[in-house]
C-alpha atoms as a PDB file:
ATOM      1  CA  MET A   1     100.018 108.968 107.627  1.00  0.00           C
ATOM      2  CA  ASP A   2     102.723 109.737 105.077  1.00  0.00           C
ATOM      3  CA  GLN A   3     105.834 107.692 105.845  1.00  0.00           C
ATOM      4  CA  SER A   4     107.533 108.210 102.475  1.00  0.00           C
ATOM      5  CA  PRO A   5     111.040 109.674 102.228  1.00  0.00           C
ATOM      6  CA  PRO A   6     111.640 112.761 100.069  1.00  0.00           C
ATOM      7  CA  ILE A   7     111.858 112.029  96.314  1.00  0.00           C
ATOM      8  CA  GLU A   8     115.603 112.728  96.107  1.00  0.00           C
ATOM      9  CA  ARG A   9     116.302 110.210  98.906  1.00  0.00           C
ATOM     10  CA  GLN A  10     114.073 107.582  97.264  1.00  0.00           C
ATOM     11  CA  SER A  11     116.032 107.772  93.999  1.00  0.00           C
ATOM     12  CA  ALA A  12     119.408 107.623  95.747  1.00  0.00           C
ATOM     13  CA  GLN A  13     118.353 104.629  97.860  1.00  0.00           C
ATOM     14  CA  ARG A  14     117.167 102.456  94.951  1.00  0.00           C
ATOM     15  CA  GLN A  15     119.531  99.641  94.047  1.00  0.00           C
ATOM     16  CA  SER A  16     118.337  99.328  90.429  1.00  0.00           C
ATOM     17  CA  ASP A  17     116.124 101.016  87.841  1.00  0.00           C
ATOM     18  CA  ARG A  18     112.387 100.432  88.052  1.00  0.00           C
ATOM     19  CA  GLU A  19     110.328  99.135  85.121  1.00  0.00           C
ATOM     20  CA  GLN A  20     106.836 100.524  84.453  1.00  0.00           C
ATOM     21  CA  VAL A  21     104.492  97.539  84.460  1.00  0.00           C
ATOM     22  CA  PHE A  22     101.124  96.713  86.026  1.00  0.00           C
ATOM     23  CA  VAL A  23     100.709  93.338  87.716  1.00  0.00           C
ATOM     24  CA  LYS A  24      97.626  92.046  89.540  1.00  0.00           C
ATOM     25  CA  ALA A  25      98.704  90.382  92.761  1.00  0.00           C
ATOM     26  CA  ARG A  26      97.710  89.302  96.262  1.00  0.00           C
ATOM     27  CA  CYS A  27      99.306  90.726  99.407  1.00  0.00           C
ATOM     28  CA  ARG A  28      99.481  88.495 102.489  1.00  0.00           C
ATOM     29  CA  THR A  29     100.090  90.340 105.755  1.00  0.00           C
ATOM     30  CA  SER A  30      99.336  87.433 108.076  1.00  0.00           C
ATOM     31  CA  ARG A  31      98.244  83.850 107.930  1.00  0.00           C
ATOM     32  CA  TRP A  32      94.625  84.970 107.896  1.00  0.00           C
ATOM     33  CA  HIS A  33      94.724  88.216 105.939  1.00  0.00           C
ATOM     34  CA  VAL A  34      95.231  88.308 102.168  1.00  0.00           C
ATOM     35  CA  GLY A  35      94.099  91.225 100.003  1.00  0.00           C
ATOM     36  CA  ASP A  36      94.098  92.248  96.366  1.00  0.00           C
ATOM     37  CA  ALA A  37      97.022  94.365  95.232  1.00  0.00           C
ATOM     38  CA  SER A  38      98.587  95.907  92.150  1.00  0.00           C
ATOM     39  CA  LEU A  39     102.333  95.981  91.582  1.00  0.00           C
ATOM     40  CA  SER A  40     104.153  98.629  89.550  1.00  0.00           C
ATOM     41  CA  ASP A  41     107.611 100.208  89.270  1.00  0.00           C
ATOM     42  CA  ILE A  42     109.240  96.791  89.531  1.00  0.00           C
ATOM     43  CA  SER A  43     112.952  96.033  89.791  1.00  0.00           C
ATOM     44  CA  ALA A  44     114.892  93.001  90.961  1.00  0.00           C
ATOM     45  CA  HIS A  45     115.024  94.570  94.435  1.00  0.00           C
ATOM     46  CA  GLY A  46     111.494  95.838  95.000  1.00  0.00           C
ATOM     47  CA  CYS A  47     108.320  97.457  93.706  1.00  0.00           C
ATOM     48  CA  CYS A  48     105.406  99.722  94.501  1.00  0.00           C
ATOM     49  CA  VAL A  49     102.344  97.956  95.925  1.00  0.00           C
ATOM     50  CA  VAL A  50      98.877  99.531  95.808  1.00  0.00           C
ATOM     51  CA  THR A  51      96.387  97.829  98.097  1.00  0.00           C
ATOM     52  CA  ARG A  52      93.497  98.575 100.433  1.00  0.00           C
ATOM     53  CA  THR A  53      95.195  96.307 102.955  1.00  0.00           C
ATOM     54  CA  ALA A  54      96.696  98.399 105.773  1.00  0.00           C
ATOM     55  CA  LEU A  55     100.495  98.285 105.576  1.00  0.00           C
ATOM     56  CA  ASN A  56     103.082  99.721 107.957  1.00  0.00           C
ATOM     57  CA  LYS A  57     106.713 100.678 107.491  1.00  0.00           C
ATOM     58  CA  GLY A  58     108.948  97.742 108.484  1.00  0.00           C
ATOM     59  CA  GLN A  59     106.151  95.170 108.115  1.00  0.00           C
ATOM     60  CA  SER A  60     106.900  91.801 106.514  1.00  0.00           C
ATOM     61  CA  ILE A  61     104.517  90.802 103.717  1.00  0.00           C
ATOM     62  CA  ASP A  62     104.239  88.077 101.099  1.00  0.00           C
ATOM     63  CA  ILE A  63     103.422  89.026  97.497  1.00  0.00           C
ATOM     64  CA  ARG A  64     101.826  86.496  95.152  1.00  0.00           C
ATOM     65  CA  TYR A  65     101.269  87.001  91.429  1.00  0.00           C
ATOM     66  CA  GLY A  66     100.581  84.577  88.596  1.00  0.00           C
ATOM     67  CA  SER A  67     101.959  81.147  89.448  1.00  0.00           C
ATOM     68  CA  ASN A  68     104.453  82.677  91.909  1.00  0.00           C
ATOM     69  CA  LYS A  69     104.259  80.826  95.244  1.00  0.00           C
ATOM     70  CA  GLY A  70     105.134  83.891  97.255  1.00  0.00           C
ATOM     71  CA  LEU A  71     107.710  86.627  97.344  1.00  0.00           C
ATOM     72  CA  PRO A  72     108.643  87.759 100.867  1.00  0.00           C
ATOM     73  CA  ALA A  73     109.191  91.515 101.141  1.00  0.00           C
ATOM     74  CA  THR A  74     109.564  94.308 103.697  1.00  0.00           C
ATOM     75  CA  VAL A  75     107.570  97.548 103.555  1.00  0.00           C
ATOM     76  CA  ARG A  76     109.979 100.519 103.331  1.00  0.00           C
ATOM     77  CA  TRP A  77     107.495 103.414 103.019  1.00  0.00           C
ATOM     78  CA  VAL A  78     103.728 103.982 102.982  1.00  0.00           C
ATOM     79  CA  LYS A  79     101.691 106.801 101.449  1.00  0.00           C
ATOM     80  CA  ASP A  80      97.896 106.486 101.310  1.00  0.00           C
ATOM     81  CA  LEU A  81      97.138 103.201  99.480  1.00  0.00           C
ATOM     82  CA  SER A  82     100.686 102.841  98.087  1.00  0.00           C
ATOM     83  CA  ALA A  83     103.746 101.275  99.651  1.00  0.00           C
ATOM     84  CA  GLY A  84     107.314 100.767  98.535  1.00  0.00           C
ATOM     85  CA  VAL A  85     108.585  97.284  99.300  1.00  0.00           C
ATOM     86  CA  GLU A  86     112.002  95.671  99.164  1.00  0.00           C
ATOM     87  CA  PHE A  87     112.119  91.992  98.291  1.00  0.00           C
ATOM     88  CA  ASP A  88     113.869  89.944 100.991  1.00  0.00           C
ATOM     89  CA  THR A  89     115.728  88.122  98.191  1.00  0.00           C
ATOM     90  CA  PRO A  90     116.181  89.958  94.868  1.00  0.00           C
ATOM     91  CA  LEU A  91     114.377  88.470  91.879  1.00  0.00           C
ATOM     92  CA  ALA A  92     116.572  86.351  89.632  1.00  0.00           C
ATOM     93  CA  GLU A  93     117.334  88.045  86.320  1.00  0.00           C
ATOM     94  CA  ALA A  94     115.381  85.383  84.374  1.00  0.00           C
ATOM     95  CA  ASP A  95     112.332  85.725  86.675  1.00  0.00           C
ATOM     96  CA  LEU A  96     112.358  89.522  86.344  1.00  0.00           C
ATOM     97  CA  ALA A  97     112.680  89.306  82.546  1.00  0.00           C
ATOM     98  CA  GLU A  98     109.730  86.885  82.371  1.00  0.00           C
ATOM     99  CA  LEU A  99     107.580  89.059  84.636  1.00  0.00           C
ATOM    100  CA  LEU A 100     108.359  92.169  82.587  1.00  0.00           C
ATOM    101  CA  SER A 101     107.683  90.501  79.237  1.00  0.00           C
ATOM    102  CA  GLU A 102     104.333  89.136  80.463  1.00  0.00           C
ATOM    103  CA  HIS A 103     103.118  92.433  81.918  1.00  0.00           C
ATOM    104  CA  ARG A 104     104.749  95.268  79.977  1.00  0.00           C
ATOM    105  CA  GLN A 105     101.825  95.355  77.504  1.00  0.00           C
ATOM    106  CA  SER A 106      99.302  95.768  80.340  1.00  0.00           C
ATOM    107  CA  ALA A 107     101.172  98.876  81.560  1.00  0.00           C
ATOM    108  CA  THR A 108     100.760 100.429  78.109  1.00  0.00           C
ATOM    109  CA  LYS A 109      97.014  99.713  78.167  1.00  0.00           C
ATOM    110  CA  VAL A 110      96.606 101.157  81.675  1.00  0.00           C
ATOM    111  CA  SER A 111      98.581 104.319  80.860  1.00  0.00           C
ATOM    112  CA  ARG A 112      96.251 105.039  77.912  1.00  0.00           C
ATOM    113  CA  LEU A 113      93.062 104.999  79.983  1.00  0.00           C
ATOM    114  CA  PRO A 114      91.275 108.376  80.128  1.00  0.00           C
ATOM    115  CA  VAL A 115      91.761 110.283  83.360  1.00  0.00           C
ATOM    116  CA  LYS A 116      88.922 112.249  84.953  1.00  0.00           C
ATOM    117  CA  ARG A 117      90.382 115.354  86.572  1.00  0.00           C
ATOM    118  CA  GLY A 118      89.319 116.312  90.079  1.00  0.00           C
ATOM    119  CA  ILE A 119      88.180 112.844  91.164  1.00  0.00           C
ATOM    120  CA  LYS A 120      90.180 111.103  93.854  1.00  0.00           C
ATOM    121  CA  MET A 121      90.187 107.334  94.146  1.00  0.00           C
ATOM    122  CA  GLY A 122      87.258 106.204  96.253  1.00  0.00           C
ATOM    123  CA  HIS A 123      85.519 109.589  96.093  1.00  0.00           C
ATOM    124  CA  SER A 124      82.587 110.793  94.044  1.00  0.00           C
ATOM    125  CA  PRO A 125      82.753 114.015  92.043  1.00  0.00           C
ATOM    126  CA  VAL A 126      81.253 116.990  93.831  1.00  0.00           C
END
């Protein structure tokens, strides 16, 4: 179910610009459920999370990446395997700068991967 707001509302609601990076992470939705995730479009206030873990608007989650012990966040919208989350406490400027410098190169590598047209994630070509 698509719970995402229209594009123009998303842009107006953002508190800061997003940076294009790709970060491997883990998404904890409960004490017993932790799944793989990818983070992108990161700012001090939130990011986009892509995960096969079922997420719901308003849900509290915990994001872990690298040596980070956990970053509590709230799901603001969900569309397919993607979700927009707002960090409960904004990232400190130094922490955001470190995260971006460590992962900015990986975003460049990912964006240069060849794209096969007509194939949706998780589906085989017809």
